[in-house]
Amino acid sequence: MGKINIGAFTDKVVFLKAINSKGELAQLRKNYVPVATVFADVQVQPTSEQIVDGSFVALEKVHVVAYALRGMNTNCIIRWNGSDYNVSSIVYDKAKPFMELDAIKMLLDER
């Protein structure tokens, strides 16, 4: 982890955790419940293009630096700027109470 500027923590980010439940036909369904709302430094990364179901889609990536939250992992999602993002990686700083994470914007049909 590089130098962290807590003065840049100006973006409000909601962390949500997946809770599995069973539907009517015993299929598993994920429900996301809010765990914490924090201020963080969010940087939009260069997007990559991908073909999904025959459509050309630009996947938005974000890099987030925030105070460390226990229990956050790659099964969690974040909500920022009205959109949901799948967390793809988390790195905790061993010397300071911070974490860095990367996340990819969820498509509308992923929820």
C-alpha atoms as a PDB file:
ATOM      1  CA  MET A   1       0.000   0.000   0.000  1.00  0.00           C
ATOM      2  CA  GLY A   2       1.202   3.439  -0.834  1.00  0.00           C
ATOM      3  CA  LYS A   3       0.730   6.661   1.066  1.00  0.00           C
ATOM      4  CA  ILE A   4      -2.893   7.155   2.122  1.00  0.00           C
ATOM      5  CA  ASN A   5      -4.502  10.601   2.235  1.00  0.00           C
ATOM      6  CA  ILE A   6      -7.581  10.419   4.474  1.00  0.00           C
ATOM      7  CA  GLY A   7      -8.536  13.906   3.280  1.00  0.00           C
ATOM      8  CA  ALA A   8      -9.484  12.251  -0.014  1.00  0.00           C
ATOM      9  CA  PHE A   9     -12.161  10.126   1.711  1.00  0.00           C
ATOM     10  CA  THR A  10     -15.037  12.142   0.212  1.00  0.00           C
ATOM     11  CA  ASP A  11     -17.149   9.435  -1.450  1.00  0.00           C
ATOM     12  CA  LYS A  12     -19.898   7.636   0.470  1.00  0.00           C
ATOM     13  CA  VAL A  13     -19.733   3.858  -0.073  1.00  0.00           C
ATOM     14  CA  VAL A  14     -22.168   1.235   1.260  1.00  0.00           C
ATOM     15  CA  PHE A  15     -20.796  -2.255   1.907  1.00  0.00           C
ATOM     16  CA  LEU A  16     -23.314  -5.078   1.481  1.00  0.00           C
ATOM     17  CA  LYS A  17     -22.947  -8.738   2.407  1.00  0.00           C
ATOM     18  CA  ALA A  18     -24.668 -11.656   0.680  1.00  0.00           C
ATOM     19  CA  ILE A  19     -27.152 -13.726   2.673  1.00  0.00           C
ATOM     20  CA  ASN A  20     -28.232 -16.945   0.961  1.00  0.00           C
ATOM     21  CA  SER A  21     -31.872 -17.998   1.187  1.00  0.00           C
ATOM     22  CA  LYS A  22     -33.988 -20.651  -0.487  1.00  0.00           C
ATOM     23  CA  GLY A  23     -36.721 -19.800  -2.952  1.00  0.00           C
ATOM     24  CA  GLU A  24     -40.004 -21.666  -3.517  1.00  0.00           C
ATOM     25  CA  LEU A  25     -38.347 -24.369  -5.621  1.00  0.00           C
ATOM     26  CA  ALA A  26     -35.315 -24.777  -3.303  1.00  0.00           C
ATOM     27  CA  GLN A  27     -33.105 -22.632  -5.546  1.00  0.00           C
ATOM     28  CA  LEU A  28     -30.557 -20.493  -3.744  1.00  0.00           C
ATOM     29  CA  ARG A  29     -31.135 -16.770  -3.874  1.00  0.00           C
ATOM     30  CA  LYS A  30     -28.736 -14.081  -2.710  1.00  0.00           C
ATOM     31  CA  ASN A  31     -30.093 -11.180  -0.746  1.00  0.00           C
ATOM     32  CA  TYR A  32     -27.724  -8.322   0.021  1.00  0.00           C
ATOM     33  CA  VAL A  33     -27.948  -6.583   3.374  1.00  0.00           C
ATOM     34  CA  PRO A  34     -26.083  -3.367   4.243  1.00  0.00           C
ATOM     35  CA  VAL A  35     -23.211  -3.868   6.702  1.00  0.00           C
ATOM     36  CA  ALA A  36     -21.642  -0.410   6.858  1.00  0.00           C
ATOM     37  CA  THR A  37     -21.659   2.989   5.203  1.00  0.00           C
ATOM     38  CA  VAL A  38     -18.256   4.658   5.131  1.00  0.00           C
ATOM     39  CA  PHE A  39     -16.437   7.510   3.487  1.00  0.00           C
ATOM     40  CA  ALA A  40     -13.703   6.385   1.102  1.00  0.00           C
ATOM     41  CA  ASP A  41     -11.472   7.466  -1.751  1.00  0.00           C
ATOM     42  CA  VAL A  42     -12.954   6.022  -4.965  1.00  0.00           C
ATOM     43  CA  GLN A  43     -10.989   6.170  -8.214  1.00  0.00           C
ATOM     44  CA  VAL A  44     -12.549   5.045 -11.506  1.00  0.00           C
ATOM     45  CA  GLN A  45     -10.089   2.861 -13.422  1.00  0.00           C
ATOM     46  CA  PRO A  46      -9.817   2.577 -17.205  1.00  0.00           C
ATOM     47  CA  THR A  47     -12.656   0.432 -18.499  1.00  0.00           C
ATOM     48  CA  SER A  48     -12.326  -2.757 -20.455  1.00  0.00           C
ATOM     49  CA  GLU A  49     -14.725  -3.925 -23.120  1.00  0.00           C
ATOM     50  CA  GLN A  50     -16.246  -7.383 -23.216  1.00  0.00           C
ATOM     51  CA  ILE A  51     -18.927  -9.206 -25.183  1.00  0.00           C
ATOM     52  CA  VAL A  52     -21.723 -10.430 -22.895  1.00  0.00           C
ATOM     53  CA  ASP A  53     -24.616 -12.392 -24.437  1.00  0.00           C
ATOM     54  CA  GLY A  54     -23.801 -10.999 -27.863  1.00  0.00           C
ATOM     55  CA  SER A  55     -23.748  -7.383 -26.660  1.00  0.00           C
ATOM     56  CA  PHE A  56     -20.707  -5.135 -26.409  1.00  0.00           C
ATOM     57  CA  VAL A  57     -20.379  -4.015 -22.778  1.00  0.00           C
ATOM     58  CA  ALA A  58     -17.861  -1.633 -21.172  1.00  0.00           C
ATOM     59  CA  LEU A  59     -17.055  -2.885 -17.661  1.00  0.00           C
ATOM     60  CA  GLU A  60     -16.411  -0.058 -15.211  1.00  0.00           C
ATOM     61  CA  LYS A  61     -13.789  -0.756 -12.540  1.00  0.00           C
ATOM     62  CA  VAL A  62     -13.206   1.205  -9.357  1.00  0.00           C
ATOM     63  CA  HIS A  63     -10.363   1.248  -6.836  1.00  0.00           C
ATOM     64  CA  VAL A  64     -11.466   2.049  -3.274  1.00  0.00           C
ATOM     65  CA  VAL A  65      -9.366   2.987  -0.237  1.00  0.00           C
ATOM     66  CA  ALA A  66     -11.194   3.039   3.116  1.00  0.00           C
ATOM     67  CA  TYR A  67     -10.799   2.257   6.783  1.00  0.00           C
ATOM     68  CA  ALA A  68     -10.648  -1.523   7.304  1.00  0.00           C
ATOM     69  CA  LEU A  69     -13.910  -3.342   7.978  1.00  0.00           C
ATOM     70  CA  ARG A  70     -13.862  -6.827   9.457  1.00  0.00           C
ATOM     71  CA  GLY A  71     -15.535  -9.588   7.504  1.00  0.00           C
ATOM     72  CA  MET A  72     -15.325  -7.966   4.081  1.00  0.00           C
ATOM     73  CA  ASN A  73     -14.360 -10.408   1.335  1.00  0.00           C
ATOM     74  CA  THR A  74     -14.939 -11.050  -2.367  1.00  0.00           C
ATOM     75  CA  ASN A  75     -18.492 -12.285  -1.685  1.00  0.00           C
ATOM     76  CA  CYS A  76     -19.465  -8.729  -0.759  1.00  0.00           C
ATOM     77  CA  ILE A  77     -20.593  -5.920  -3.022  1.00  0.00           C
ATOM     78  CA  ILE A  78     -20.333  -2.158  -2.703  1.00  0.00           C
ATOM     79  CA  ARG A  79     -22.853   0.492  -3.678  1.00  0.00           C
ATOM     80  CA  TRP A  80     -21.425   3.775  -4.924  1.00  0.00           C
ATOM     81  CA  ASN A  81     -23.001   6.530  -6.998  1.00  0.00           C
ATOM     82  CA  GLY A  82     -26.243   4.544  -7.342  1.00  0.00           C
ATOM     83  CA  SER A  83     -24.550   1.472  -8.858  1.00  0.00           C
ATOM     84  CA  ASP A  84     -23.510  -1.882  -7.424  1.00  0.00           C
ATOM     85  CA  TYR A  85     -20.018  -3.325  -7.835  1.00  0.00           C
ATOM     86  CA  ASN A  86     -18.734  -6.873  -7.276  1.00  0.00           C
ATOM     87  CA  VAL A  87     -15.632  -6.831  -5.094  1.00  0.00           C
ATOM     88  CA  SER A  88     -12.865  -8.646  -6.971  1.00  0.00           C
ATOM     89  CA  SER A  89      -9.967  -8.201  -4.512  1.00  0.00           C
ATOM     90  CA  ILE A  90      -9.245  -6.802  -1.050  1.00  0.00           C
ATOM     91  CA  VAL A  91      -5.870  -5.988   0.499  1.00  0.00           C
ATOM     92  CA  TYR A  92      -5.640  -5.091   4.184  1.00  0.00           C
ATOM     93  CA  ASP A  93      -2.739  -2.966   5.409  1.00  0.00           C
ATOM     94  CA  LYS A  94      -0.976  -4.855   8.208  1.00  0.00           C
ATOM     95  CA  ALA A  95       0.459  -1.744   9.862  1.00  0.00           C
ATOM     96  CA  LYS A  96      -2.450   0.707   9.482  1.00  0.00           C
ATOM     97  CA  PRO A  97      -6.252   0.337   9.757  1.00  0.00           C
ATOM     98  CA  PHE A  98      -6.933   0.665   6.020  1.00  0.00           C
ATOM     99  CA  MET A  99      -7.977  -1.564   3.149  1.00  0.00           C
ATOM    100  CA  GLU A 100      -7.798  -1.244  -0.620  1.00  0.00           C
ATOM    101  CA  LEU A 101     -10.240  -3.022  -2.873  1.00  0.00           C
ATOM    102  CA  ASP A 102     -11.005  -3.339  -6.544  1.00  0.00           C
ATOM    103  CA  ALA A 103     -14.535  -3.826  -7.819  1.00  0.00           C
ATOM    104  CA  ILE A 104     -16.310  -4.253 -11.170  1.00  0.00           C
ATOM    105  CA  LYS A 105     -19.695  -2.707 -11.928  1.00  0.00           C
ATOM    106  CA  MET A 106     -22.532  -5.241 -11.888  1.00  0.00           C
ATOM    107  CA  LEU A 107     -24.733  -5.664 -14.923  1.00  0.00           C
ATOM    108  CA  LEU A 108     -28.436  -5.006 -14.368  1.00  0.00           C
ATOM    109  CA  ASP A 109     -29.402  -8.694 -14.549  1.00  0.00           C
ATOM    110  CA  GLU A 110     -26.799  -9.794 -11.951  1.00  0.00           C
ATOM    111  CA  ARG A 111     -28.846  -8.603  -8.981  1.00  0.00           C
END
